[in-house]
PDB file of N, CA and C in Angstrom:
ATOM      1  N   MET A   1       0.850  -1.171   0.000  1.00  0.00           N
ATOM      2  CA  MET A   1       0.000   0.000   0.000  1.00  0.00           C
ATOM      3  C   MET A   1       0.892   1.228   0.000  1.00  0.00           C
ATOM      4  N   GLN A   2       0.522   2.205  -0.816  1.00  0.00           N
ATOM      5  CA  GLN A   2       1.278   3.447  -0.880  1.00  0.00           C
ATOM      6  C   GLN A   2       0.480   4.548  -0.197  1.00  0.00           C
ATOM      7  N   LEU A   3       1.144   5.293   0.663  1.00  0.00           N
ATOM      8  CA  LEU A   3       0.519   6.441   1.315  1.00  0.00           C
ATOM      9  C   LEU A   3       1.054   7.704   0.673  1.00  0.00           C
ATOM     10  N   ASN A   4       0.175   8.633   0.443  1.00  0.00           N
ATOM     11  CA  ASN A   4       0.559   9.901  -0.163  1.00  0.00           C
ATOM     12  C   ASN A   4       0.287  11.034   0.808  1.00  0.00           C
ATOM     13  N   GLU A   5       1.196  11.990   0.822  1.00  0.00           N
ATOM     14  CA  GLU A   5       0.934  13.188   1.611  1.00  0.00           C
ATOM     15  C   GLU A   5      -0.132  13.998   0.917  1.00  0.00           C
ATOM     16  N   ILE A   6      -0.968  14.635   1.699  1.00  0.00           N
ATOM     17  CA  ILE A   6      -2.011  15.478   1.140  1.00  0.00           C
ATOM     18  C   ILE A   6      -1.402  16.825   0.783  1.00  0.00           C
ATOM     19  N   ASP A   7      -1.704  17.290  -0.420  1.00  0.00           N
ATOM     20  CA  ASP A   7      -1.250  18.597  -0.865  1.00  0.00           C
ATOM     21  C   ASP A   7      -2.448  19.538  -0.877  1.00  0.00           C
ATOM     22  N   TYR A   8      -2.449  20.494   0.013  1.00  0.00           N
ATOM     23  CA  TYR A   8      -3.559  21.432   0.113  1.00  0.00           C
ATOM     24  C   TYR A   8      -3.374  22.656  -0.771  1.00  0.00           C
ATOM     25  N   GLU A   9      -2.287  22.697  -1.554  1.00  0.00           N
ATOM     26  CA  GLU A   9      -1.943  23.850  -2.378  1.00  0.00           C
ATOM     27  C   GLU A   9      -1.939  25.100  -1.502  1.00  0.00           C
ATOM     28  N   ASN A  10      -2.757  26.091  -1.803  1.00  0.00           N
ATOM     29  CA  ASN A  10      -2.752  27.336  -1.017  1.00  0.00           C
ATOM     30  C   ASN A  10      -3.797  27.341   0.090  1.00  0.00           C
ATOM     31  N   ALA A  11      -4.634  26.312   0.163  1.00  0.00           N
ATOM     32  CA  ALA A  11      -5.680  26.262   1.177  1.00  0.00           C
ATOM     33  C   ALA A  11      -5.089  25.899   2.534  1.00  0.00           C
ATOM     34  N   ARG A  12      -5.794  26.222   3.580  1.00  0.00           N
ATOM     35  CA  ARG A  12      -5.320  25.987   4.941  1.00  0.00           C
ATOM     36  C   ARG A  12      -6.278  25.071   5.692  1.00  0.00           C
ATOM     37  N   PRO A  13      -5.841  23.846   6.003  1.00  0.00           N
ATOM     38  CA  PRO A  13      -6.691  22.929   6.764  1.00  0.00           C
ATOM     39  C   PRO A  13      -6.701  23.283   8.250  1.00  0.00           C
ATOM     40  N   VAL A  14      -7.657  22.695   8.954  1.00  0.00           N
ATOM     41  CA  VAL A  14      -7.686  22.800  10.410  1.00  0.00           C
ATOM     42  C   VAL A  14      -6.606  21.873  10.936  1.00  0.00           C
ATOM     43  N   GLU A  15      -5.657  22.425  11.678  1.00  0.00           N
ATOM     44  CA  GLU A  15      -4.545  21.629  12.207  1.00  0.00           C
ATOM     45  C   GLU A  15      -4.864  21.039  13.570  1.00  0.00           C
ATOM     46  N   GLY A  16      -5.786  21.649  14.283  1.00  0.00           N
ATOM     47  CA  GLY A  16      -6.149  21.153  15.600  1.00  0.00           C
ATOM     48  C   GLY A  16      -7.216  22.020  16.229  1.00  0.00           C
ATOM     49  N   TYR A  17      -7.760  21.525  17.329  1.00  0.00           N
ATOM     50  CA  TYR A  17      -8.744  22.285  18.097  1.00  0.00           C
ATOM     51  C   TYR A  17      -8.695  21.791  19.526  1.00  0.00           C
ATOM     52  N   GLY A  18      -9.238  22.591  20.409  1.00  0.00           N
ATOM     53  CA  GLY A  18      -9.300  22.235  21.818  1.00  0.00           C
ATOM     54  C   GLY A  18     -10.377  23.054  22.479  1.00  0.00           C
ATOM     55  N   PRO A  19     -10.445  23.008  23.785  1.00  0.00           N
ATOM     56  CA  PRO A  19     -11.494  23.747  24.483  1.00  0.00           C
ATOM     57  C   PRO A  19     -11.434  25.250  24.164  1.00  0.00           C
ATOM     58  N   GLY A  20     -12.354  25.717  23.332  1.00  0.00           N
ATOM     59  CA  GLY A  20     -12.483  27.141  23.043  1.00  0.00           C
ATOM     60  C   GLY A  20     -11.609  27.679  21.938  1.00  0.00           C
ATOM     61  N   PHE A  21     -10.881  26.831  21.195  1.00  0.00           N
ATOM     62  CA  PHE A  21     -10.004  27.365  20.142  1.00  0.00           C
ATOM     63  C   PHE A  21      -9.870  26.397  18.977  1.00  0.00           C
ATOM     64  N   PHE A  22      -9.399  26.968  17.855  1.00  0.00           N
ATOM     65  CA  PHE A  22      -9.025  26.198  16.667  1.00  0.00           C
ATOM     66  C   PHE A  22      -7.638  26.648  16.256  1.00  0.00           C
ATOM     67  N   ARG A  23      -6.855  25.753  15.650  1.00  0.00           N
ATOM     68  CA  ARG A  23      -5.543  26.116  15.113  1.00  0.00           C
ATOM     69  C   ARG A  23      -5.582  25.898  13.604  1.00  0.00           C
ATOM     70  N   VAL A  24      -5.352  26.992  12.861  1.00  0.00           N
ATOM     71  CA  VAL A  24      -5.361  26.975  11.401  1.00  0.00           C
ATOM     72  C   VAL A  24      -4.144  27.750  10.924  1.00  0.00           C
ATOM     73  N   ASP A  25      -3.376  27.151  10.029  1.00  0.00           N
ATOM     74  CA  ASP A  25      -2.199  27.798   9.454  1.00  0.00           C
ATOM     75  C   ASP A  25      -1.219  28.258  10.546  1.00  0.00           C
ATOM     76  N   GLY A  26      -1.090  27.454  11.588  1.00  0.00           N
ATOM     77  CA  GLY A  26      -0.152  27.763  12.660  1.00  0.00           C
ATOM     78  C   GLY A  26      -0.622  28.828  13.634  1.00  0.00           C
ATOM     79  N   LYS A  27      -1.835  29.337  13.442  1.00  0.00           N
ATOM     80  CA  LYS A  27      -2.363  30.388  14.316  1.00  0.00           C
ATOM     81  C   LYS A  27      -3.532  29.852  15.127  1.00  0.00           C
ATOM     82  N   VAL A  28      -3.593  30.263  16.374  1.00  0.00           N
ATOM     83  CA  VAL A  28      -4.706  29.888  17.241  1.00  0.00           C
ATOM     84  C   VAL A  28      -5.774  30.962  17.149  1.00  0.00           C
ATOM     85  N   ILE A  29      -7.005  30.534  16.904  1.00  0.00           N
ATOM     86  CA  ILE A  29      -8.147  31.445  16.871  1.00  0.00           C
ATOM     87  C   ILE A  29      -9.073  31.038  18.006  1.00  0.00           C
ATOM     88  N   GLU A  30      -9.265  31.950  18.925  1.00  0.00           N
ATOM     89  CA  GLU A  30     -10.153  31.701  20.067  1.00  0.00           C
ATOM     90  C   GLU A  30     -11.601  31.881  19.644  1.00  0.00           C
ATOM     91  N   GLY A  31     -12.482  31.031  20.145  1.00  0.00           N
ATOM     92  CA  GLY A  31     -13.908  31.148  19.846  1.00  0.00           C
ATOM     93  C   GLY A  31     -14.247  30.569  18.487  1.00  0.00           C
ATOM     94  N   GLY A  32     -15.323  31.085  17.893  1.00  0.00           N
ATOM     95  CA  GLY A  32     -15.770  30.607  16.599  1.00  0.00           C
ATOM     96  C   GLY A  32     -14.810  31.011  15.490  1.00  0.00           C
ATOM     97  N   VAL A  33     -14.825  30.231  14.401  1.00  0.00           N
ATOM     98  CA  VAL A  33     -13.931  30.515  13.278  1.00  0.00           C
ATOM     99  C   VAL A  33     -14.683  30.325  11.962  1.00  0.00           C
ATOM    100  N   ALA A  34     -14.423  31.235  11.034  1.00  0.00           N
ATOM    101  CA  ALA A  34     -14.922  31.126   9.663  1.00  0.00           C
ATOM    102  C   ALA A  34     -13.755  30.687   8.798  1.00  0.00           C
ATOM    103  N   LEU A  35     -13.889  29.546   8.143  1.00  0.00           N
ATOM    104  CA  LEU A  35     -12.867  29.053   7.227  1.00  0.00           C
ATOM    105  C   LEU A  35     -13.328  29.375   5.814  1.00  0.00           C
ATOM    106  N   LEU A  36     -12.642  30.309   5.182  1.00  0.00           N
ATOM    107  CA  LEU A  36     -13.010  30.828   3.878  1.00  0.00           C
ATOM    108  C   LEU A  36     -11.928  30.482   2.868  1.00  0.00           C
ATOM    109  N   PRO A  37     -12.228  30.554   1.576  1.00  0.00           N
ATOM    110  CA  PRO A  37     -11.198  30.258   0.576  1.00  0.00           C
ATOM    111  C   PRO A  37      -9.941  31.119   0.712  1.00  0.00           C
ATOM    112  N   ASN A  38     -10.064  32.312   1.257  1.00  0.00           N
ATOM    113  CA  ASN A  38      -8.903  33.194   1.408  1.00  0.00           C
ATOM    114  C   ASN A  38      -8.286  33.149   2.803  1.00  0.00           C
ATOM    115  N   GLY A  39      -8.705  32.227   3.650  1.00  0.00           N
ATOM    116  CA  GLY A  39      -8.107  32.091   4.965  1.00  0.00           C
ATOM    117  C   GLY A  39      -9.133  31.954   6.073  1.00  0.00           C
ATOM    118  N   ALA A  40      -8.626  31.901   7.287  1.00  0.00           N
ATOM    119  CA  ALA A  40      -9.466  31.746   8.480  1.00  0.00           C
ATOM    120  C   ALA A  40      -9.546  33.068   9.219  1.00  0.00           C
ATOM    121  N   GLN A  41     -10.678  33.290   9.866  1.00  0.00           N
ATOM    122  CA  GLN A  41     -10.855  34.502  10.661  1.00  0.00           C
ATOM    123  C   GLN A  41     -11.796  34.216  11.826  1.00  0.00           C
ATOM    124  N   PRO A  42     -11.696  34.994  12.893  1.00  0.00           N
ATOM    125  CA  PRO A  42     -12.659  34.834  13.986  1.00  0.00           C
ATOM    126  C   PRO A  42     -14.078  35.036  13.447  1.00  0.00           C
ATOM    127  N   TRP A  43     -15.021  34.302  14.033  1.00  0.00           N
ATOM    128  CA  TRP A  43     -16.399  34.357  13.556  1.00  0.00           C
ATOM    129  C   TRP A  43     -17.340  34.518  14.735  1.00  0.00           C
ATOM    130  N   SER A  44     -18.236  35.504  14.639  1.00  0.00           N
ATOM    131  CA  SER A  44     -19.156  35.796  15.728  1.00  0.00           C
ATOM    132  C   SER A  44     -20.534  35.163  15.561  1.00  0.00           C
ATOM    133  N   GLY A  45     -20.764  34.449  14.462  1.00  0.00           N
ATOM    134  CA  GLY A  45     -22.031  33.753  14.294  1.00  0.00           C
ATOM    135  C   GLY A  45     -22.946  34.340  13.241  1.00  0.00           C
ATOM    136  N   ASP A  46     -22.504  35.342  12.500  1.00  0.00           N
ATOM    137  CA  ASP A  46     -23.358  35.932  11.468  1.00  0.00           C
ATOM    138  C   ASP A  46     -23.063  35.334  10.096  1.00  0.00           C
ATOM    139  N   ALA A  47     -23.953  35.569   9.158  1.00  0.00           N
ATOM    140  CA  ALA A  47     -23.823  34.998   7.811  1.00  0.00           C
ATOM    141  C   ALA A  47     -22.931  35.831   6.902  1.00  0.00           C
ATOM    142  N   ALA A  48     -22.624  37.063   7.259  1.00  0.00           N
ATOM    143  CA  ALA A  48     -21.942  38.010   6.369  1.00  0.00           C
ATOM    144  C   ALA A  48     -20.679  37.471   5.699  1.00  0.00           C
ATOM    145  N   PRO A  49     -19.733  36.838   6.424  1.00  0.00           N
ATOM    146  CA  PRO A  49     -18.519  36.392   5.729  1.00  0.00           C
ATOM    147  C   PRO A  49     -18.797  35.355   4.638  1.00  0.00           C
ATOM    148  N   PHE A  50     -19.827  34.567   4.820  1.00  0.00           N
ATOM    149  CA  PHE A  50     -20.144  33.516   3.860  1.00  0.00           C
ATOM    150  C   PHE A  50     -20.983  34.048   2.701  1.00  0.00           C
ATOM    151  N   LEU A  51     -21.852  35.004   2.988  1.00  0.00           N
ATOM    152  CA  LEU A  51     -22.632  35.618   1.922  1.00  0.00           C
ATOM    153  C   LEU A  51     -21.727  36.387   0.971  1.00  0.00           C
ATOM    154  N   ALA A  52     -20.650  36.965   1.503  1.00  0.00           N
ATOM    155  CA  ALA A  52     -19.708  37.723   0.678  1.00  0.00           C
ATOM    156  C   ALA A  52     -18.974  36.840  -0.332  1.00  0.00           C
ATOM    157  N   ILE A  53     -18.890  35.548  -0.072  1.00  0.00           N
ATOM    158  CA  ILE A  53     -18.172  34.625  -0.966  1.00  0.00           C
ATOM    159  C   ILE A  53     -19.100  33.562  -1.547  1.00  0.00           C
ATOM    160  N   ALA A  54     -20.393  33.822  -1.539  1.00  0.00           N
ATOM    161  CA  ALA A  54     -21.383  32.825  -1.968  1.00  0.00           C
ATOM    162  C   ALA A  54     -21.104  32.282  -3.365  1.00  0.00           C
ATOM    163  N   ASP A  55     -20.567  33.098  -4.251  1.00  0.00           N
ATOM    164  CA  ASP A  55     -20.283  32.627  -5.613  1.00  0.00           C
ATOM    165  C   ASP A  55     -19.054  31.726  -5.683  1.00  0.00           C
ATOM    166  N   ASP A  56     -18.275  31.676  -4.607  1.00  0.00           N
ATOM    167  CA  ASP A  56     -17.027  30.910  -4.602  1.00  0.00           C
ATOM    168  C   ASP A  56     -17.124  29.575  -3.874  1.00  0.00           C
ATOM    169  N   ILE A  57     -18.267  29.297  -3.239  1.00  0.00           N
ATOM    170  CA  ILE A  57     -18.413  28.045  -2.491  1.00  0.00           C
ATOM    171  C   ILE A  57     -19.727  27.357  -2.856  1.00  0.00           C
ATOM    172  N   ASP A  58     -19.710  26.056  -2.714  1.00  0.00           N
ATOM    173  CA  ASP A  58     -20.923  25.263  -2.943  1.00  0.00           C
ATOM    174  C   ASP A  58     -21.535  24.781  -1.633  1.00  0.00           C
ATOM    175  N   VAL A  59     -20.671  24.457  -0.672  1.00  0.00           N
ATOM    176  CA  VAL A  59     -21.133  23.880   0.588  1.00  0.00           C
ATOM    177  C   VAL A  59     -20.431  24.541   1.757  1.00  0.00           C
ATOM    178  N   LEU A  60     -21.204  24.756   2.813  1.00  0.00           N
ATOM    179  CA  LEU A  60     -20.684  25.271   4.081  1.00  0.00           C
ATOM    180  C   LEU A  60     -20.889  24.188   5.127  1.00  0.00           C
ATOM    181  N   PHE A  61     -19.806  23.778   5.784  1.00  0.00           N
ATOM    182  CA  PHE A  61     -19.913  22.841   6.895  1.00  0.00           C
ATOM    183  C   PHE A  61     -20.094  23.657   8.160  1.00  0.00           C
ATOM    184  N   PHE A  62     -21.208  23.430   8.836  1.00  0.00           N
ATOM    185  CA  PHE A  62     -21.552  24.191  10.028  1.00  0.00           C
ATOM    186  C   PHE A  62     -21.302  23.318  11.250  1.00  0.00           C
ATOM    187  N   GLY A  63     -20.218  23.603  11.970  1.00  0.00           N
ATOM    188  CA  GLY A  63     -19.885  22.864  13.186  1.00  0.00           C
ATOM    189  C   GLY A  63     -20.510  23.529  14.386  1.00  0.00           C
ATOM    190  N   THR A  64     -21.333  22.799  15.107  1.00  0.00           N
ATOM    191  CA  THR A  64     -22.116  23.375  16.204  1.00  0.00           C
ATOM    192  C   THR A  64     -21.482  23.179  17.585  1.00  0.00           C
ATOM    193  N   GLY A  65     -20.213  22.859  17.635  1.00  0.00           N
ATOM    194  CA  GLY A  65     -19.543  22.627  18.918  1.00  0.00           C
ATOM    195  C   GLY A  65     -19.313  21.145  19.123  1.00  0.00           C
ATOM    196  N   GLY A  66     -19.243  20.734  20.372  1.00  0.00           N
ATOM    197  CA  GLY A  66     -18.952  19.344  20.699  1.00  0.00           C
ATOM    198  C   GLY A  66     -20.060  18.376  20.330  1.00  0.00           C
ATOM    199  N   GLU A  67     -21.278  18.851  20.271  1.00  0.00           N
ATOM    200  CA  GLU A  67     -22.439  18.020  19.938  1.00  0.00           C
ATOM    201  C   GLU A  67     -23.219  18.688  18.807  1.00  0.00           C
ATOM    202  N   ILE A  68     -23.980  17.902  18.085  1.00  0.00           N
ATOM    203  CA  ILE A  68     -24.836  18.454  17.036  1.00  0.00           C
ATOM    204  C   ILE A  68     -25.970  19.234  17.698  1.00  0.00           C
ATOM    205  N   ALA A  69     -26.219  20.419  17.194  1.00  0.00           N
ATOM    206  CA  ALA A  69     -27.296  21.263  17.699  1.00  0.00           C
ATOM    207  C   ALA A  69     -27.931  21.987  16.515  1.00  0.00           C
ATOM    208  N   ASN A  70     -29.071  22.576  16.738  1.00  0.00           N
ATOM    209  CA  ASN A  70     -29.740  23.328  15.682  1.00  0.00           C
ATOM    210  C   ASN A  70     -29.228  24.765  15.664  1.00  0.00           C
ATOM    211  N   PRO A  71     -28.640  25.199  14.542  1.00  0.00           N
ATOM    212  CA  PRO A  71     -28.225  26.592  14.427  1.00  0.00           C
ATOM    213  C   PRO A  71     -29.453  27.495  14.280  1.00  0.00           C
ATOM    214  N   PRO A  72     -29.284  28.788  14.443  1.00  0.00           N
ATOM    215  CA  PRO A  72     -30.418  29.702  14.272  1.00  0.00           C
ATOM    216  C   PRO A  72     -31.039  29.568  12.874  1.00  0.00           C
ATOM    217  N   GLU A  73     -32.357  29.474  12.826  1.00  0.00           N
ATOM    218  CA  GLU A  73     -33.055  29.276  11.560  1.00  0.00           C
ATOM    219  C   GLU A  73     -32.828  30.418  10.588  1.00  0.00           C
ATOM    220  N   ASP A  74     -32.755  31.659  11.082  1.00  0.00           N
ATOM    221  CA  ASP A  74     -32.559  32.795  10.183  1.00  0.00           C
ATOM    222  C   ASP A  74     -31.176  32.759   9.535  1.00  0.00           C
ATOM    223  N   LEU A  75     -30.185  32.255  10.242  1.00  0.00           N
ATOM    224  CA  LEU A  75     -28.837  32.126   9.686  1.00  0.00           C
ATOM    225  C   LEU A  75     -28.821  31.089   8.563  1.00  0.00           C
ATOM    226  N   ILE A  76     -29.424  29.944   8.800  1.00  0.00           N
ATOM    227  CA  ILE A  76     -29.482  28.895   7.787  1.00  0.00           C
ATOM    228  C   ILE A  76     -30.288  29.363   6.579  1.00  0.00           C
ATOM    229  N   ALA A  77     -31.397  30.062   6.815  1.00  0.00           N
ATOM    230  CA  ALA A  77     -32.218  30.571   5.715  1.00  0.00           C
ATOM    231  C   ALA A  77     -31.434  31.567   4.863  1.00  0.00           C
ATOM    232  N   ALA A  78     -30.649  32.420   5.492  1.00  0.00           N
ATOM    233  CA  ALA A  78     -29.845  33.395   4.735  1.00  0.00           C
ATOM    234  C   ALA A  78     -28.814  32.692   3.868  1.00  0.00           C
ATOM    235  N   LEU A  79     -28.152  31.681   4.410  1.00  0.00           N
ATOM    236  CA  LEU A  79     -27.144  30.938   3.653  1.00  0.00           C
ATOM    237  C   LEU A  79     -27.774  30.170   2.493  1.00  0.00           C
ATOM    238  N   GLU A  80     -28.847  29.464   2.773  1.00  0.00           N
ATOM    239  CA  GLU A  80     -29.515  28.697   1.729  1.00  0.00           C
ATOM    240  C   GLU A  80     -30.142  29.615   0.682  1.00  0.00           C
ATOM    241  N   GLY A  81     -30.582  30.811   1.100  1.00  0.00           N
ATOM    242  CA  GLY A  81     -31.123  31.793   0.169  1.00  0.00           C
ATOM    243  C   GLY A  81     -30.078  32.301  -0.811  1.00  0.00           C
ATOM    244  N   ALA A  82     -28.808  32.179  -0.437  1.00  0.00           N
ATOM    245  CA  ALA A  82     -27.699  32.575  -1.316  1.00  0.00           C
ATOM    246  C   ALA A  82     -27.161  31.370  -2.088  1.00  0.00           C
ATOM    247  N   ASP A  83     -27.939  30.289  -2.130  1.00  0.00           N
ATOM    248  CA  ASP A  83     -27.564  29.053  -2.827  1.00  0.00           C
ATOM    249  C   ASP A  83     -26.310  28.399  -2.272  1.00  0.00           C
ATOM    250  N   ILE A  84     -26.110  28.512  -0.959  1.00  0.00           N
ATOM    251  CA  ILE A  84     -25.027  27.818  -0.277  1.00  0.00           C
ATOM    252  C   ILE A  84     -25.638  26.603   0.416  1.00  0.00           C
ATOM    253  N   GLY A  85     -25.171  25.421   0.055  1.00  0.00           N
ATOM    254  CA  GLY A  85     -25.618  24.219   0.750  1.00  0.00           C
ATOM    255  C   GLY A  85     -25.027  24.195   2.141  1.00  0.00           C
ATOM    256  N   VAL A  86     -25.818  23.826   3.136  1.00  0.00           N
ATOM    257  CA  VAL A  86     -25.362  23.816   4.526  1.00  0.00           C
ATOM    258  C   VAL A  86     -25.455  22.402   5.078  1.00  0.00           C
ATOM    259  N   GLU A  87     -24.337  21.914   5.605  1.00  0.00           N
ATOM    260  CA  GLU A  87     -24.292  20.608   6.262  1.00  0.00           C
ATOM    261  C   GLU A  87     -23.995  20.846   7.737  1.00  0.00           C
ATOM    262  N   ILE A  88     -24.910  20.444   8.603  1.00  0.00           N
ATOM    263  CA  ILE A  88     -24.791  20.682  10.040  1.00  0.00           C
ATOM    264  C   ILE A  88     -24.247  19.421  10.705  1.00  0.00           C
ATOM    265  N   MET A  89     -23.211  19.615  11.529  1.00  0.00           N
ATOM    266  CA  MET A  89     -22.593  18.499  12.243  1.00  0.00           C
ATOM    267  C   MET A  89     -21.836  19.039  13.445  1.00  0.00           C
ATOM    268  N   SER A  90     -21.294  18.173  14.263  1.00  0.00           N
ATOM    269  CA  SER A  90     -20.464  18.628  15.378  1.00  0.00           C
ATOM    270  C   SER A  90     -19.197  19.269  14.796  1.00  0.00           C
ATOM    271  N   SER A  91     -18.553  20.128  15.555  1.00  0.00           N
ATOM    272  CA  SER A  91     -17.337  20.782  15.062  1.00  0.00           C
ATOM    273  C   SER A  91     -16.201  19.802  14.774  1.00  0.00           C
ATOM    274  N   PRO A  92     -15.956  18.779  15.616  1.00  0.00           N
ATOM    275  CA  PRO A  92     -14.910  17.810  15.252  1.00  0.00           C
ATOM    276  C   PRO A  92     -15.188  17.137  13.906  1.00  0.00           C
ATOM    277  N   SER A  93     -16.431  16.743  13.662  1.00  0.00           N
ATOM    278  CA  SER A  93     -16.786  16.132  12.377  1.00  0.00           C
ATOM    279  C   SER A  93     -16.644  17.122  11.236  1.00  0.00           C
ATOM    280  N   ALA A  94     -17.045  18.361  11.476  1.00  0.00           N
ATOM    281  CA  ALA A  94     -16.927  19.391  10.439  1.00  0.00           C
ATOM    282  C   ALA A  94     -15.460  19.646  10.084  1.00  0.00           C
ATOM    283  N   CYS A  95     -14.577  19.642  11.078  1.00  0.00           N
ATOM    284  CA  CYS A  95     -13.143  19.838  10.818  1.00  0.00           C
ATOM    285  C   CYS A  95     -12.593  18.721   9.939  1.00  0.00           C
ATOM    286  N   ARG A  96     -12.909  17.485  10.285  1.00  0.00           N
ATOM    287  CA  ARG A  96     -12.417  16.345   9.508  1.00  0.00           C
ATOM    288  C   ARG A  96     -12.960  16.377   8.080  1.00  0.00           C
ATOM    289  N   THR A  97     -14.256  16.608   7.945  1.00  0.00           N
ATOM    290  CA  THR A  97     -14.877  16.636   6.625  1.00  0.00           C
ATOM    291  C   THR A  97     -14.322  17.781   5.788  1.00  0.00           C
ATOM    292  N   TYR A  98     -14.173  18.936   6.402  1.00  0.00           N
ATOM    293  CA  TYR A  98     -13.611  20.100   5.716  1.00  0.00           C
ATOM    294  C   TYR A  98     -12.213  19.773   5.191  1.00  0.00           C
ATOM    295  N   ASN A  99     -11.363  19.196   6.031  1.00  0.00           N
ATOM    296  CA  ASN A  99      -9.988  18.891   5.613  1.00  0.00           C
ATOM    297  C   ASN A  99      -9.944  17.908   4.441  1.00  0.00           C
ATOM    298  N   VAL A 100     -10.777  16.882   4.492  1.00  0.00           N
ATOM    299  CA  VAL A 100     -10.778  15.891   3.412  1.00  0.00           C
ATOM    300  C   VAL A 100     -11.220  16.539   2.102  1.00  0.00           C
ATOM    301  N   LEU A 101     -12.326  17.266   2.123  1.00  0.00           N
ATOM    302  CA  LEU A 101     -12.822  17.864   0.884  1.00  0.00           C
ATOM    303  C   LEU A 101     -11.928  19.003   0.417  1.00  0.00           C
ATOM    304  N   LEU A 102     -11.282  19.686   1.340  1.00  0.00           N
ATOM    305  CA  LEU A 102     -10.318  20.723   0.968  1.00  0.00           C
ATOM    306  C   LEU A 102      -9.164  20.105   0.195  1.00  0.00           C
ATOM    307  N   SER A 103      -8.709  18.925   0.625  1.00  0.00           N
ATOM    308  CA  SER A 103      -7.604  18.253  -0.059  1.00  0.00           C
ATOM    309  C   SER A 103      -7.985  17.820  -1.468  1.00  0.00           C
ATOM    310  N   GLU A 104      -9.293  17.691  -1.717  1.00  0.00           N
ATOM    311  CA  GLU A 104      -9.781  17.319  -3.043  1.00  0.00           C
ATOM    312  C   GLU A 104     -10.024  18.541  -3.929  1.00  0.00           C
ATOM    313  N   GLY A 105      -9.769  19.725  -3.399  1.00  0.00           N
ATOM    314  CA  GLY A 105      -9.948  20.947  -4.169  1.00  0.00           C
ATOM    315  C   GLY A 105     -11.389  21.397  -4.298  1.00  0.00           C
ATOM    316  N   ARG A 106     -12.242  20.961  -3.392  1.00  0.00           N
ATOM    317  CA  ARG A 106     -13.660  21.324  -3.462  1.00  0.00           C
ATOM    318  C   ARG A 106     -13.883  22.783  -3.079  1.00  0.00           C
ATOM    319  N   ARG A 107     -15.013  23.320  -3.511  1.00  0.00           N
ATOM    320  CA  ARG A 107     -15.402  24.719  -3.239  1.00  0.00           C
ATOM    321  C   ARG A 107     -16.206  24.753  -1.935  1.00  0.00           C
ATOM    322  N   ILE A 108     -15.492  24.819  -0.817  1.00  0.00           N
ATOM    323  CA  ILE A 108     -16.132  24.694   0.486  1.00  0.00           C
ATOM    324  C   ILE A 108     -15.711  25.819   1.423  1.00  0.00           C
ATOM    325  N   ALA A 109     -16.467  25.927   2.508  1.00  0.00           N
ATOM    326  CA  ALA A 109     -16.145  26.817   3.617  1.00  0.00           C
ATOM    327  C   ALA A 109     -16.660  26.132   4.871  1.00  0.00           C
ATOM    328  N   ALA A 110     -16.296  26.671   6.022  1.00  0.00           N
ATOM    329  CA  ALA A 110     -16.792  26.112   7.283  1.00  0.00           C
ATOM    330  C   ALA A 110     -17.049  27.231   8.280  1.00  0.00           C
ATOM    331  N   ALA A 111     -18.092  27.037   9.046  1.00  0.00           N
ATOM    332  CA  ALA A 111     -18.433  27.909  10.169  1.00  0.00           C
ATOM    333  C   ALA A 111     -18.362  27.015  11.400  1.00  0.00           C
ATOM    334  N   LEU A 112     -17.422  27.283  12.281  1.00  0.00           N
ATOM    335  CA  LEU A 112     -17.179  26.384  13.404  1.00  0.00           C
ATOM    336  C   LEU A 112     -17.345  27.076  14.751  1.00  0.00           C
ATOM    337  N   MET A 113     -18.216  26.517  15.564  1.00  0.00           N
ATOM    338  CA  MET A 113     -18.339  26.955  16.948  1.00  0.00           C
ATOM    339  C   MET A 113     -17.376  26.105  17.775  1.00  0.00           C
ATOM    340  N   PRO A 114     -16.783  26.679  18.806  1.00  0.00           N
ATOM    341  CA  PRO A 114     -15.761  25.922  19.552  1.00  0.00           C
ATOM    342  C   PRO A 114     -16.347  24.780  20.375  1.00  0.00           C
ATOM    343  N   VAL A 115     -15.510  23.788  20.577  1.00  0.00           N
ATOM    344  CA  VAL A 115     -15.792  22.706  21.513  1.00  0.00           C
ATOM    345  C   VAL A 115     -15.421  23.243  22.879  1.00  0.00           C
ATOM    346  N   LEU A 116     -16.304  23.161  23.833  1.00  0.00           N
ATOM    347  CA  LEU A 116     -16.056  23.787  25.124  1.00  0.00           C
ATOM    348  C   LEU A 116     -15.213  22.942  26.068  1.00  0.00           C
ATOM    349  N   SER A 117     -15.252  21.630  25.902  1.00  0.00           N
ATOM    350  CA  SER A 117     -14.397  20.768  26.731  1.00  0.00           C
ATOM    351  C   SER A 117     -14.116  19.493  25.966  1.00  0.00           C
ATOM    352  N   GLN A 118     -13.041  18.804  26.374  1.00  0.00           N
ATOM    353  CA  GLN A 118     -12.698  17.547  25.700  1.00  0.00           C
ATOM    354  C   GLN A 118     -12.715  16.411  26.674  1.00  0.00           C
TER     355      GLN A 118
END
């Protein structure tokens, strides 16, 4: 069996996470994080960063923290109204899924709420 290193080209995968933070591109981001085609940034829970890039993404992985939860309906409606597919899952699952599809060159983004404890 041959193993290949994943080449993310210019994209930045999630390197790690812990109670209240995510690590992307060697930087720790406290709290929520928006993973966009042009990089990662702190995220306060609004749709604006994703609506601004709606033409550049097909799917948004919405990580709701340590457990699956229902995000605000108005937020999901705004994203879906901009023709962004939304997949809701726990943040650990969203990180893994995001990294795999990012390595495939897919047009994706992620909205991640922090895991509060491990």
